[in-house]
Amino acid sequence: MGLRKSGHALTLIMLYLVTMIMRAAFYATIAVIQDSAYMGGMMSDWGVAIVLTVYPLTELSTVSLFGSYSDKIGRKPILVFSLFATALAAFLFGVASLEFITFLLAALFGIGAASKVTTTLSMIADCSSEVDRARLMGYYDLSTLSGLAGGYGLAVILIEFGLTPSTILFAAAGACAISGIVALTLIRETASVGGAEVSMMRLLRQVATDRRVQKMLPVYIPIISLYGLVISKAEHIIDVYFSLTATNMLILFGMLGGSLILGIIVMGHLSDHLMKRRPFIVLGLIGFGLLSYLLVANADSFGDVWNIWPVLPALGFIAGAFPPAAMAYLTDISTEEARGSTMGVYSIFFGTGMLIGPLLGQFAYGTWGLFPGLATAVALLIVIACVGTYFLEEAAPQKTAVAEQPSA
């Protein structure tokens, strides 16, 4: 296992744990804000939309700074700051009584997200080697997805059971604060700091002018936009179009979630074993793209798709090839001194996609409906991402070179 052989097992396990807790607290807060009971119904739909726009914009505008700063002073101080910043934001959301205050708190959320993602990814990259990079990054994606689904879903369930929004938000804040204490006490610094003075602007220029990073733009941004599009429209599509029973709906999401997790684990190991990233990126794009198109384009006649249900977990498994290979690729092309800056680029990709996807989805659906509007938007993003992979260069070290290294 990559965890055992990395020599950083405790640090990595704690990183995955605090990532899951932070994401759960983050998305539980998002779920509460979207509920009509929040602030006694004073939060308007436009207010929610502004909150969901401010935090990714703030993340985009600060992520490079935090990434480069982590290269300069170390990862751990910024990681701990990010967890307490997110805890503070969740707590203040619970006591806020004016809508415009939530816009400021959304900015604090964005700062917490920016500082958390860059440092966590950089620390995992610091602890990884060529032989375990994809699987360790895959475990990070699992912790992120678990936190997202668990936090959002649990908040929705707790609201249905009658818990007040403030109670849920205070619990989310407490959990995130505890994760900050865990990070402070149990996670070790992984960056080499204290040497020559490092210029943050030079690190940013170094990453921004890297042709390999630039070639990632048409691949990563469309696929994350697709993710954002599906997330933003999932609840509406399910409510309006899906005719499955509650039990079948649970089975559907259980199948997709389980197959995706299995795919991330298996495909991450294969990517490391074969020392290949690009084929797995392409395979994952095709799987996720086909799955998204199948669910969106056939939502109004989903019973026909349900009749061939084995196709769904198969595509979910294939989609699992993308996250570990994509993150390992980003690490492969990074240098040790600029790793935080490079991981900041990923956050820029993610934030940009999460802005484009929902906006594109709303425009396409509002103008042309589910089909051809939303289905065409999904197909367009898939095509752009797949074409973009043609220009990517394989970045994984050659297997022969790795074999010559002494074993761990």
Protein backbone atom coordinates (compact mmCIF):
# COMPACT_ATOMS: atom_id res chain seq x y z
CA MET A 1 0.00 0.00 0.00
CA GLY A 2 1.19 3.50 -0.83
CA LEU A 3 0.37 4.72 2.68
CA ARG A 4 2.59 2.21 4.44
CA LYS A 5 5.56 2.52 2.09
CA SER A 6 5.48 6.30 1.90
CA GLY A 7 7.02 6.70 5.37
CA HIS A 8 4.39 9.34 6.15
CA ALA A 9 1.44 7.09 7.02
CA LEU A 10 0.18 9.05 10.05
CA THR A 11 0.47 12.42 8.32
CA LEU A 12 -1.34 11.16 5.23
CA ILE A 13 -4.12 9.46 7.19
CA MET A 14 -4.68 12.63 9.22
CA LEU A 15 -4.67 14.70 6.03
CA TYR A 16 -7.38 12.52 4.53
CA LEU A 17 -9.36 12.66 7.77
CA VAL A 18 -9.26 16.46 8.17
CA THR A 19 -10.04 16.85 4.46
CA MET A 20 -13.17 14.74 4.85
CA ILE A 21 -14.25 16.67 7.97
CA MET A 22 -13.55 20.05 6.41
CA ARG A 23 -15.45 19.20 3.22
CA ALA A 24 -18.35 17.78 5.24
CA ALA A 25 -18.54 20.98 7.31
CA PHE A 26 -18.25 23.09 4.17
CA TYR A 27 -21.01 21.36 2.21
CA ALA A 28 -23.26 20.95 5.26
CA THR A 29 -23.12 24.74 5.53
CA ILE A 30 -23.96 25.09 1.83
CA ALA A 31 -26.95 22.76 2.26
CA VAL A 32 -28.24 24.75 5.24
CA ILE A 33 -27.89 28.07 3.43
CA GLN A 34 -29.94 26.73 0.53
CA ASP A 35 -32.77 25.67 2.84
CA SER A 36 -35.76 27.98 3.24
CA ALA A 37 -35.53 27.75 7.05
CA TYR A 38 -32.13 29.46 7.16
CA MET A 39 -32.30 32.92 8.80
CA GLY A 40 -36.05 32.47 9.19
CA GLY A 41 -36.58 32.57 5.44
CA MET A 42 -34.88 35.96 5.06
CA MET A 43 -32.28 34.58 2.64
CA SER A 44 -33.44 35.24 -0.92
CA ASP A 45 -32.70 33.03 -3.92
CA TRP A 46 -30.43 35.76 -5.25
CA GLY A 47 -28.68 35.87 -1.89
CA VAL A 48 -27.94 32.15 -2.09
CA ALA A 49 -26.72 32.61 -5.66
CA ILE A 50 -24.37 35.40 -4.55
CA VAL A 51 -22.97 33.26 -1.73
CA LEU A 52 -22.35 30.41 -4.18
CA THR A 53 -20.56 32.85 -6.49
CA VAL A 54 -18.52 34.81 -3.96
CA TYR A 55 -16.74 31.85 -2.38
CA PRO A 56 -15.29 30.37 -5.63
CA LEU A 57 -14.33 33.86 -6.83
CA THR A 58 -12.49 34.47 -3.56
CA GLU A 59 -10.87 31.06 -3.82
CA LEU A 60 -9.73 31.83 -7.36
CA SER A 61 -8.25 35.18 -6.39
CA THR A 62 -6.30 33.92 -3.36
CA VAL A 63 -5.32 30.34 -4.18
CA SER A 64 -2.10 31.20 -6.00
CA LEU A 65 -1.01 33.37 -3.09
CA PHE A 66 -1.55 30.58 -0.56
CA GLY A 67 0.08 28.02 -2.83
CA SER A 68 3.22 30.06 -3.33
CA TYR A 69 3.31 31.11 0.31
CA SER A 70 3.24 27.46 1.35
CA ASP A 71 6.35 26.96 -0.78
CA LYS A 72 7.98 29.79 1.12
CA ILE A 73 7.03 29.20 4.78
CA GLY A 74 5.76 25.61 4.79
CA ARG A 75 2.44 23.81 4.41
CA LYS A 76 1.34 23.13 7.96
CA PRO A 77 0.77 26.71 9.22
CA ILE A 78 -1.48 27.47 6.24
CA LEU A 79 -3.29 24.13 6.56
CA VAL A 80 -4.11 24.78 10.22
CA PHE A 81 -5.22 28.33 9.39
CA SER A 82 -7.55 27.02 6.68
CA LEU A 83 -9.36 24.68 9.05
CA PHE A 84 -9.93 27.30 11.73
CA ALA A 85 -10.98 29.85 9.09
CA THR A 86 -13.61 27.45 7.76
CA ALA A 87 -14.78 26.68 11.31
CA LEU A 88 -15.13 30.39 12.04
CA ALA A 89 -17.10 30.97 8.84
CA ALA A 90 -19.52 28.11 9.61
CA PHE A 91 -20.04 29.42 13.16
CA LEU A 92 -20.70 32.97 11.95
CA PHE A 93 -23.15 31.67 9.33
CA GLY A 94 -25.05 30.23 12.30
CA VAL A 95 -25.38 33.59 14.06
CA ALA A 96 -25.77 35.83 11.00
CA SER A 97 -29.02 37.75 10.83
CA LEU A 98 -28.44 39.96 7.78
CA GLU A 99 -28.14 38.72 4.21
CA PHE A 100 -25.20 40.90 3.20
CA ILE A 101 -23.15 39.52 6.12
CA THR A 102 -23.34 36.08 4.51
CA PHE A 103 -21.59 37.48 1.43
CA LEU A 104 -18.60 38.42 3.58
CA LEU A 105 -18.66 35.01 5.24
CA ALA A 106 -18.71 33.39 1.79
CA ALA A 107 -15.45 35.23 1.09
CA LEU A 108 -13.99 33.76 4.28
CA PHE A 109 -15.18 30.35 3.08
CA GLY A 110 -13.31 30.94 -0.18
CA ILE A 111 -10.13 31.82 1.70
CA GLY A 112 -10.47 28.67 3.78
CA ALA A 113 -10.99 26.53 0.68
CA ALA A 114 -8.07 28.09 -1.19
CA SER A 115 -5.61 27.64 1.66
CA LYS A 116 -6.85 24.10 2.40
CA VAL A 117 -6.73 22.65 -1.10
CA THR A 118 -3.30 23.93 -2.06
CA THR A 119 -1.61 22.83 1.15
CA THR A 120 -3.26 19.41 1.30
CA LEU A 121 -2.44 18.55 -2.30
CA SER A 122 1.10 19.84 -1.86
CA MET A 123 1.62 17.77 1.30
CA ILE A 124 0.37 14.62 -0.39
CA ALA A 125 2.64 15.35 -3.35
CA ASP A 126 5.56 15.91 -0.94
CA CYS A 127 4.92 12.51 0.66
CA SER A 128 4.48 10.63 -2.62
CA SER A 129 6.90 9.08 -5.09
CA GLU A 130 6.57 7.95 -8.68
CA VAL A 131 5.42 4.48 -7.62
CA ASP A 132 2.49 5.53 -5.39
CA ARG A 133 1.52 9.01 -6.58
CA ALA A 134 -1.76 8.21 -8.30
CA ARG A 135 -3.15 6.03 -5.52
CA LEU A 136 -2.29 8.58 -2.81
CA MET A 137 -3.99 11.30 -4.83
CA GLY A 138 -6.91 8.93 -5.38
CA TYR A 139 -7.34 8.53 -1.63
CA TYR A 140 -7.49 12.33 -1.39
CA ASP A 141 -10.33 12.40 -3.92
CA LEU A 142 -12.14 9.73 -1.93
CA SER A 143 -11.89 11.80 1.25
CA THR A 144 -13.13 14.87 -0.63
CA LEU A 145 -16.08 13.05 -2.19
CA SER A 146 -16.96 11.38 1.11
CA GLY A 147 -16.99 14.73 2.86
CA LEU A 148 -19.04 16.37 0.11
CA ALA A 149 -21.69 13.66 -0.08
CA GLY A 150 -21.72 12.94 3.65
CA GLY A 151 -21.85 16.56 4.79
CA TYR A 152 -24.44 17.71 2.28
CA GLY A 153 -26.60 14.61 2.64
CA LEU A 154 -26.43 14.56 6.45
CA ALA A 155 -27.40 18.23 6.64
CA VAL A 156 -30.43 17.63 4.41
CA ILE A 157 -31.51 14.66 6.53
CA LEU A 158 -31.05 16.57 9.80
CA ILE A 159 -33.12 19.46 8.45
CA GLU A 160 -35.87 17.00 7.52
CA PHE A 161 -35.77 15.66 11.08
CA GLY A 162 -36.37 19.16 12.42
CA LEU A 163 -32.93 20.29 13.61
CA THR A 164 -32.51 24.05 13.43
CA PRO A 165 -30.07 25.48 10.87
CA SER A 166 -27.99 27.12 13.60
CA THR A 167 -27.56 23.78 15.42
CA ILE A 168 -26.26 22.12 12.28
CA LEU A 169 -23.92 25.03 11.52
CA PHE A 170 -22.52 25.08 15.07
CA ALA A 171 -21.90 21.33 14.84
CA ALA A 172 -20.12 21.79 11.50
CA ALA A 173 -18.00 24.58 12.99
CA GLY A 174 -17.09 22.43 15.98
CA ALA A 175 -16.10 19.46 13.84
CA CYS A 176 -13.92 21.66 11.65
CA ALA A 177 -12.26 23.27 14.69
CA ILE A 178 -11.47 19.83 16.11
CA SER A 179 -9.90 18.88 12.77
CA GLY A 180 -7.72 22.00 13.11
CA ILE A 181 -6.49 20.78 16.50
CA VAL A 182 -5.81 17.34 14.99
CA ALA A 183 -3.81 18.93 12.18
CA LEU A 184 -1.85 21.07 14.63
CA THR A 185 -0.87 18.15 16.85
CA LEU A 186 -0.60 15.10 14.57
CA ILE A 187 0.39 16.32 11.09
CA ARG A 188 4.06 16.92 10.33
CA GLU A 189 5.50 19.57 8.06
CA THR A 190 6.41 18.07 4.68
CA ALA A 191 7.99 21.00 2.81
CA SER A 192 11.68 21.84 2.88
CA VAL A 193 11.82 25.42 4.14
CA GLY A 194 14.40 27.67 5.75
CA GLY A 195 16.80 27.77 2.82
CA ALA A 196 17.35 30.57 0.34
CA GLU A 197 14.77 33.32 0.08
CA VAL A 198 12.01 32.37 -2.34
CA SER A 199 10.22 34.90 -4.54
CA MET A 200 6.50 34.13 -4.73
CA MET A 201 6.18 36.06 -7.99
CA ARG A 202 8.97 33.99 -9.52
CA LEU A 203 7.24 30.78 -8.46
CA LEU A 204 3.95 31.95 -9.98
CA ARG A 205 5.64 32.94 -13.25
CA GLN A 206 7.46 29.61 -13.36
CA VAL A 207 4.17 27.70 -13.16
CA ALA A 208 2.12 30.04 -15.38
CA THR A 209 4.64 29.86 -18.24
CA ASP A 210 4.95 26.06 -18.14
CA ARG A 211 3.59 24.77 -21.45
CA ARG A 212 2.49 21.51 -19.84
CA VAL A 213 0.35 23.42 -17.35
CA GLN A 214 -1.16 25.51 -20.15
CA LYS A 215 -2.09 22.38 -22.10
CA MET A 216 -4.11 21.17 -19.11
CA LEU A 217 -6.57 24.07 -19.40
CA PRO A 218 -8.83 22.56 -22.13
CA VAL A 219 -8.94 19.24 -20.26
CA TYR A 220 -9.37 20.09 -16.61
CA ILE A 221 -11.67 23.13 -16.83
CA PRO A 222 -14.31 21.45 -19.07
CA ILE A 223 -14.44 18.28 -16.96
CA ILE A 224 -14.80 20.27 -13.72
CA SER A 225 -17.39 22.47 -15.46
CA LEU A 226 -19.27 19.28 -16.28
CA TYR A 227 -19.09 18.28 -12.64
CA GLY A 228 -20.42 21.69 -11.57
CA LEU A 229 -23.18 21.56 -14.18
CA VAL A 230 -24.39 18.14 -13.03
CA ILE A 231 -24.24 19.08 -9.34
CA SER A 232 -26.14 22.34 -9.88
CA LYS A 233 -28.95 20.67 -11.83
CA ALA A 234 -29.07 17.25 -10.14
CA GLU A 235 -31.74 18.08 -7.56
CA HIS A 236 -33.98 19.78 -10.14
CA ILE A 237 -33.64 16.93 -12.65
CA ILE A 238 -34.40 14.33 -10.00
CA ASP A 239 -37.46 16.21 -8.70
CA VAL A 240 -38.93 17.01 -12.12
CA TYR A 241 -37.98 14.12 -14.37
CA PHE A 242 -36.98 10.99 -12.45
CA SER A 243 -39.85 8.64 -11.66
CA LEU A 244 -37.90 6.11 -9.57
CA THR A 245 -39.05 5.13 -6.10
CA ALA A 246 -37.09 6.34 -3.10
CA THR A 247 -35.64 2.84 -2.67
CA ASN A 248 -34.50 2.65 -6.28
CA MET A 249 -33.02 6.14 -5.99
CA LEU A 250 -30.94 5.02 -3.01
CA ILE A 251 -29.85 1.94 -4.96
CA LEU A 252 -28.89 4.13 -7.93
CA PHE A 253 -26.72 6.49 -5.90
CA GLY A 254 -25.27 3.62 -3.91
CA MET A 255 -24.26 1.84 -7.11
CA LEU A 256 -22.73 4.96 -8.62
CA GLY A 257 -20.92 5.95 -5.44
CA GLY A 258 -19.60 2.46 -4.77
CA SER A 259 -18.43 1.90 -8.35
CA LEU A 260 -16.73 5.31 -8.44
CA ILE A 261 -14.85 4.61 -5.19
CA LEU A 262 -13.77 1.19 -6.46
CA GLY A 263 -12.71 2.73 -9.77
CA ILE A 264 -10.58 5.40 -8.07
CA ILE A 265 -8.78 2.77 -5.97
CA VAL A 266 -8.21 0.24 -8.76
CA MET A 267 -7.37 2.75 -11.49
CA GLY A 268 -5.01 4.65 -9.19
CA HIS A 269 -3.05 1.45 -8.54
CA LEU A 270 -2.98 0.62 -12.25
CA SER A 271 -1.77 4.11 -13.16
CA ASP A 272 1.12 3.73 -10.73
CA HIS A 273 1.87 0.17 -11.82
CA LEU A 274 1.93 0.99 -15.53
CA MET A 275 3.53 4.42 -15.02
CA LYS A 276 0.93 6.02 -17.28
CA ARG A 277 -1.35 8.99 -16.64
CA ARG A 278 -2.69 10.13 -19.99
CA PRO A 279 -4.55 6.90 -20.95
CA PHE A 280 -6.31 6.89 -17.58
CA ILE A 281 -7.23 10.56 -17.92
CA VAL A 282 -8.79 9.81 -21.32
CA LEU A 283 -10.56 6.69 -20.03
CA GLY A 284 -11.97 8.54 -17.04
CA LEU A 285 -13.18 11.41 -19.22
CA ILE A 286 -15.04 9.01 -21.48
CA GLY A 287 -16.63 7.18 -18.54
CA PHE A 288 -17.71 10.30 -16.68
CA GLY A 289 -18.86 11.98 -19.90
CA LEU A 290 -20.99 9.06 -21.04
CA LEU A 291 -22.47 8.62 -17.57
CA SER A 292 -23.38 12.32 -17.34
CA TYR A 293 -24.90 12.34 -20.81
CA LEU A 294 -26.85 9.15 -20.13
CA LEU A 295 -28.35 10.56 -16.94
CA VAL A 296 -29.13 14.02 -18.36
CA ALA A 297 -30.28 13.21 -21.89
CA ASN A 298 -32.49 10.32 -20.75
CA ALA A 299 -33.85 11.81 -17.52
CA ASP A 300 -37.42 12.06 -18.86
CA SER A 301 -37.39 8.37 -19.87
CA PHE A 302 -35.04 7.02 -17.24
CA GLY A 303 -37.04 3.83 -16.89
CA ASP A 304 -35.52 2.66 -20.18
CA VAL A 305 -32.00 3.28 -18.85
CA TRP A 306 -32.89 1.57 -15.57
CA ASN A 307 -33.66 -1.56 -17.54
CA ILE A 308 -29.97 -1.77 -18.51
CA TRP A 309 -28.75 -0.76 -15.05
CA PRO A 310 -25.40 -2.65 -15.18
CA VAL A 311 -24.18 0.03 -17.60
CA LEU A 312 -24.37 2.67 -14.84
CA PRO A 313 -21.94 1.17 -12.28
CA ALA A 314 -19.65 0.12 -15.15
CA LEU A 315 -19.40 3.73 -16.32
CA GLY A 316 -18.99 4.88 -12.71
CA PHE A 317 -16.05 2.51 -12.33
CA ILE A 318 -14.47 3.79 -15.55
CA ALA A 319 -15.00 7.40 -14.45
CA GLY A 320 -12.87 6.61 -11.40
CA ALA A 321 -9.82 6.55 -13.64
CA PHE A 322 -9.75 10.34 -14.01
CA PRO A 323 -9.21 11.76 -10.47
CA PRO A 324 -6.06 9.85 -9.40
CA ALA A 325 -4.36 10.07 -12.80
CA ALA A 326 -5.22 13.75 -13.23
CA MET A 327 -3.84 14.70 -9.82
CA ALA A 328 -0.77 12.49 -10.25
CA TYR A 329 -0.12 14.17 -13.62
CA LEU A 330 -0.14 17.56 -11.94
CA THR A 331 2.39 16.31 -9.38
CA ASP A 332 4.55 14.70 -12.08
CA ILE A 333 5.06 18.03 -13.83
CA SER A 334 5.67 20.02 -10.64
CA THR A 335 9.04 20.85 -9.11
CA GLU A 336 9.68 20.55 -5.39
CA GLU A 337 10.29 24.27 -4.90
CA ALA A 338 7.11 25.30 -6.77
CA ARG A 339 4.79 22.47 -5.78
CA GLY A 340 2.43 24.69 -3.80
CA SER A 341 2.13 27.09 -6.72
CA THR A 342 1.40 24.19 -9.08
CA MET A 343 -1.30 22.83 -6.81
CA GLY A 344 -2.71 26.34 -6.66
CA VAL A 345 -3.18 26.09 -10.41
CA TYR A 346 -5.42 23.05 -9.90
CA SER A 347 -7.57 25.08 -7.53
CA ILE A 348 -7.82 27.78 -10.19
CA PHE A 349 -8.98 25.12 -12.66
CA PHE A 350 -11.49 23.83 -10.12
CA GLY A 351 -12.87 27.25 -9.20
CA THR A 352 -13.16 28.31 -12.83
CA GLY A 353 -15.00 25.12 -13.73
CA MET A 354 -17.36 25.47 -10.78
CA LEU A 355 -18.28 28.93 -12.03
CA ILE A 356 -18.64 28.03 -15.72
CA GLY A 357 -20.57 24.77 -15.22
CA PRO A 358 -23.60 26.06 -13.27
CA LEU A 359 -23.86 29.20 -15.42
CA LEU A 360 -23.66 27.22 -18.66
CA GLY A 361 -26.16 24.69 -17.34
CA GLN A 362 -28.65 27.36 -16.33
CA PHE A 363 -28.34 29.16 -19.69
CA ALA A 364 -28.69 25.96 -21.73
CA TYR A 365 -31.60 24.63 -19.66
CA GLY A 366 -33.38 27.98 -19.43
CA THR A 367 -33.09 28.56 -23.17
CA TRP A 368 -33.58 25.13 -24.73
CA GLY A 369 -34.70 22.87 -21.88
CA LEU A 370 -33.38 19.47 -20.85
CA PHE A 371 -33.02 18.26 -24.43
CA PRO A 372 -31.38 19.53 -26.56
CA GLY A 373 -30.23 22.35 -24.24
CA LEU A 374 -28.66 20.71 -21.18
CA ALA A 375 -27.75 17.51 -23.04
CA THR A 376 -25.90 19.52 -25.71
CA ALA A 377 -23.99 21.48 -23.06
CA VAL A 378 -22.88 18.19 -21.47
CA ALA A 379 -21.82 16.78 -24.85
CA LEU A 380 -19.90 19.97 -25.70
CA LEU A 381 -17.87 19.86 -22.47
CA ILE A 382 -17.08 16.17 -23.04
CA VAL A 383 -15.85 16.80 -26.59
CA ILE A 384 -13.66 19.76 -25.57
CA ALA A 385 -12.04 17.79 -22.74
CA CYS A 386 -11.42 14.70 -24.89
CA VAL A 387 -9.89 16.76 -27.70
CA GLY A 388 -7.70 18.52 -25.16
CA THR A 389 -6.16 15.23 -24.03
CA TYR A 390 -4.67 14.83 -27.54
CA PHE A 391 -2.25 17.65 -26.77
CA LEU A 392 -1.25 16.43 -23.32
CA GLU A 393 2.21 14.91 -23.05
CA GLU A 394 2.79 11.86 -20.88
CA ALA A 395 4.49 13.07 -17.69
CA ALA A 396 4.89 9.92 -15.59
CA PRO A 397 8.51 8.79 -15.15
CA GLN A 398 9.60 5.90 -17.33
CA LYS A 399 9.06 2.56 -15.66
CA THR A 400 12.68 1.52 -16.31
CA ALA A 401 13.95 4.63 -14.51
CA VAL A 402 11.81 3.88 -11.47
CA ALA A 403 12.93 0.27 -11.40
CA GLU A 404 16.53 1.42 -11.08
CA GLN A 405 15.75 3.28 -7.84
CA PRO A 406 16.36 1.46 -4.54
CA SER A 407 13.19 -0.06 -3.14
CA ALA A 408 11.55 1.49 -0.10
